[in-house]
Amino acid sequence: MKLKVNLTNEDILEKKFTINIKGYDVNQVDFFLDLIKKDYESWEVINKERNKQITEKDQRIEFLEKRIKVLENHNQIVKKELGDLQDKGLSNMDIIQRLNKLEEK
């Protein structure tokens, strides 16, 4: 989402209002404050969307980290089973068949 802002930092810093008998021109000040308000509203929309995206990414990362742990554990089990089978002197074909059965589970 592209952010549409009305004012830059310099616009805000360098803004000069017309001074009349009662002080600053109320219409100029109100108009300027309305522009600032619109910019804040735009930022709020963008921030909400970005926070939502961050939350979704955090949840995805958490899911993937858990999945990695499960796969690492599975990998350790398979390696242990392979080592046990090799210790028992089983043929490579037996090992492959047993590994296939483990992977199916």
C-alpha atoms as a PDB file:
ATOM      1  CA  MET A   1       0.000   0.000   0.000  1.00  0.00           C
ATOM      2  CA  LYS A   2       1.444   3.350  -1.039  1.00  0.00           C
ATOM      3  CA  LEU A   3       1.320   6.045   1.590  1.00  0.00           C
ATOM      4  CA  LYS A   4      -0.180   9.324   0.415  1.00  0.00           C
ATOM      5  CA  VAL A   5       0.982  12.189   2.601  1.00  0.00           C
ATOM      6  CA  ASN A   6       0.138  15.825   2.208  1.00  0.00           C
ATOM      7  CA  LEU A   7       3.031  17.315   4.129  1.00  0.00           C
ATOM      8  CA  THR A   8       6.737  16.723   4.468  1.00  0.00           C
ATOM      9  CA  ASN A   9       8.747  17.380   7.625  1.00  0.00           C
ATOM     10  CA  GLU A  10       9.966  20.593   6.047  1.00  0.00           C
ATOM     11  CA  ASP A  11       6.400  21.696   5.251  1.00  0.00           C
ATOM     12  CA  ILE A  12       5.477  21.379   8.909  1.00  0.00           C
ATOM     13  CA  LEU A  13       8.641  23.026  10.217  1.00  0.00           C
ATOM     14  CA  GLU A  14       8.574  25.941   7.787  1.00  0.00           C
ATOM     15  CA  LYS A  15       4.838  26.671   7.871  1.00  0.00           C
ATOM     16  CA  LYS A  16       4.096  30.344   8.415  1.00  0.00           C
ATOM     17  CA  PHE A  17       0.613  31.587   9.231  1.00  0.00           C
ATOM     18  CA  THR A  18      -0.781  35.004   8.475  1.00  0.00           C
ATOM     19  CA  ILE A  19      -1.109  37.074  11.610  1.00  0.00           C
ATOM     20  CA  ASN A  20      -4.126  39.333  11.955  1.00  0.00           C
ATOM     21  CA  ILE A  21      -5.447  41.429  14.809  1.00  0.00           C
ATOM     22  CA  LYS A  22      -6.631  38.397  16.805  1.00  0.00           C
ATOM     23  CA  GLY A  23      -3.509  36.267  16.170  1.00  0.00           C
ATOM     24  CA  TYR A  24      -2.982  33.599  13.552  1.00  0.00           C
ATOM     25  CA  ASP A  25      -5.562  33.174  10.802  1.00  0.00           C
ATOM     26  CA  VAL A  26      -7.866  30.473  12.180  1.00  0.00           C
ATOM     27  CA  ASN A  27      -8.786  29.170   8.725  1.00  0.00           C
ATOM     28  CA  GLN A  28      -5.132  28.673   7.770  1.00  0.00           C
ATOM     29  CA  VAL A  29      -4.374  26.901  11.049  1.00  0.00           C
ATOM     30  CA  ASP A  30      -7.472  24.684  10.775  1.00  0.00           C
ATOM     31  CA  PHE A  31      -6.636  23.769   7.172  1.00  0.00           C
ATOM     32  CA  PHE A  32      -3.047  22.936   8.114  1.00  0.00           C
ATOM     33  CA  LEU A  33      -4.157  20.823  11.071  1.00  0.00           C
ATOM     34  CA  ASP A  34      -6.624  18.978   8.818  1.00  0.00           C
ATOM     35  CA  LEU A  35      -3.746  18.073   6.492  1.00  0.00           C
ATOM     36  CA  ILE A  36      -1.720  16.807   9.434  1.00  0.00           C
ATOM     37  CA  LYS A  37      -4.718  14.779  10.647  1.00  0.00           C
ATOM     38  CA  LYS A  38      -5.133  13.149   7.213  1.00  0.00           C
ATOM     39  CA  ASP A  39      -1.455  12.227   7.174  1.00  0.00           C
ATOM     40  CA  TYR A  40      -1.735  10.648  10.616  1.00  0.00           C
ATOM     41  CA  GLU A  41      -4.781   8.685   9.477  1.00  0.00           C
ATOM     42  CA  SER A  42      -2.806   7.411   6.466  1.00  0.00           C
ATOM     43  CA  TRP A  43       0.069   6.380   8.708  1.00  0.00           C
ATOM     44  CA  GLU A  44      -2.343   4.643  11.066  1.00  0.00           C
ATOM     45  CA  VAL A  45      -3.768   2.535   8.225  1.00  0.00           C
ATOM     46  CA  ILE A  46      -0.281   1.627   7.018  1.00  0.00           C
ATOM     47  CA  ASN A  47       0.911   0.788  10.543  1.00  0.00           C
ATOM     48  CA  LYS A  48      -2.085  -1.457  11.202  1.00  0.00           C
ATOM     49  CA  GLU A  49      -1.477  -3.338   7.949  1.00  0.00           C
ATOM     50  CA  ARG A  50       2.245  -3.693   8.648  1.00  0.00           C
ATOM     51  CA  ASN A  51       1.591  -4.877  12.205  1.00  0.00           C
ATOM     52  CA  LYS A  52      -0.833  -7.461  10.828  1.00  0.00           C
ATOM     53  CA  GLN A  53       1.806  -8.619   8.326  1.00  0.00           C
ATOM     54  CA  ILE A  54       4.445  -8.802  11.069  1.00  0.00           C
ATOM     55  CA  THR A  55       2.130 -10.877  13.272  1.00  0.00           C
ATOM     56  CA  GLU A  56       1.404 -13.247  10.379  1.00  0.00           C
ATOM     57  CA  LYS A  57       5.129 -13.595   9.610  1.00  0.00           C
ATOM     58  CA  ASP A  58       5.916 -14.199  13.295  1.00  0.00           C
ATOM     59  CA  GLN A  59       3.285 -16.940  13.407  1.00  0.00           C
ATOM     60  CA  ARG A  60       4.693 -18.502  10.228  1.00  0.00           C
ATOM     61  CA  ILE A  61       8.211 -18.405  11.663  1.00  0.00           C
ATOM     62  CA  GLU A  62       7.013 -20.040  14.875  1.00  0.00           C
ATOM     63  CA  PHE A  63       5.252 -22.778  12.871  1.00  0.00           C
ATOM     64  CA  LEU A  64       8.329 -23.399  10.726  1.00  0.00           C
ATOM     65  CA  GLU A  65      10.635 -23.509  13.765  1.00  0.00           C
ATOM     66  CA  LYS A  66       8.393 -26.150  15.344  1.00  0.00           C
ATOM     67  CA  ARG A  67       8.322 -28.078  12.058  1.00  0.00           C
ATOM     68  CA  ILE A  68      12.121 -27.969  11.872  1.00  0.00           C
ATOM     69  CA  LYS A  69      12.359 -29.444  15.380  1.00  0.00           C
ATOM     70  CA  VAL A  70       9.957 -32.236  14.428  1.00  0.00           C
ATOM     71  CA  LEU A  71      11.951 -32.998  11.274  1.00  0.00           C
ATOM     72  CA  GLU A  72      15.251 -32.913  13.174  1.00  0.00           C
ATOM     73  CA  ASN A  73      13.837 -35.372  15.697  1.00  0.00           C
ATOM     74  CA  HIS A  74      12.570 -37.579  12.889  1.00  0.00           C
ATOM     75  CA  ASN A  75      15.962 -37.415  11.229  1.00  0.00           C
ATOM     76  CA  GLN A  76      17.673 -38.493  14.460  1.00  0.00           C
ATOM     77  CA  ILE A  77      15.271 -41.422  14.807  1.00  0.00           C
ATOM     78  CA  VAL A  78      15.927 -42.506  11.225  1.00  0.00           C
ATOM     79  CA  LYS A  79      19.699 -42.246  11.717  1.00  0.00           C
ATOM     80  CA  LYS A  80      19.494 -44.248  14.923  1.00  0.00           C
ATOM     81  CA  GLU A  81      17.339 -46.883  13.240  1.00  0.00           C
ATOM     82  CA  LEU A  82      19.780 -47.045  10.339  1.00  0.00           C
ATOM     83  CA  GLY A  83      22.683 -47.481  12.739  1.00  0.00           C
ATOM     84  CA  ASP A  84      20.813 -50.185  14.659  1.00  0.00           C
ATOM     85  CA  LEU A  85      20.001 -52.023  11.446  1.00  0.00           C
ATOM     86  CA  GLN A  86      23.578 -51.830  10.218  1.00  0.00           C
ATOM     87  CA  ASP A  87      24.792 -53.114  13.598  1.00  0.00           C
ATOM     88  CA  LYS A  88      22.507 -56.089  13.191  1.00  0.00           C
ATOM     89  CA  GLY A  89      24.102 -56.839   9.840  1.00  0.00           C
ATOM     90  CA  LEU A  90      21.001 -56.456   7.741  1.00  0.00           C
ATOM     91  CA  SER A  91      21.372 -56.005   4.006  1.00  0.00           C
ATOM     92  CA  ASN A  92      20.998 -52.656   2.303  1.00  0.00           C
ATOM     93  CA  MET A  93      17.721 -53.840   0.802  1.00  0.00           C
ATOM     94  CA  ASP A  94      16.329 -54.610   4.258  1.00  0.00           C
ATOM     95  CA  ILE A  95      17.441 -51.203   5.463  1.00  0.00           C
ATOM     96  CA  ILE A  96      15.772 -49.440   2.531  1.00  0.00           C
ATOM     97  CA  GLN A  97      12.534 -51.346   3.082  1.00  0.00           C
ATOM     98  CA  ARG A  98      12.480 -50.499   6.783  1.00  0.00           C
ATOM     99  CA  LEU A  99      13.278 -46.844   6.095  1.00  0.00           C
ATOM    100  CA  ASN A 100      10.430 -46.697   3.587  1.00  0.00           C
ATOM    101  CA  LYS A 101       8.066 -48.069   6.218  1.00  0.00           C
ATOM    102  CA  LEU A 102       9.286 -45.454   8.717  1.00  0.00           C
ATOM    103  CA  GLU A 103       8.811 -42.653   6.207  1.00  0.00           C
ATOM    104  CA  GLU A 104       5.292 -43.846   5.441  1.00  0.00           C
ATOM    105  CA  LYS A 105       4.406 -43.467   9.117  1.00  0.00           C
END
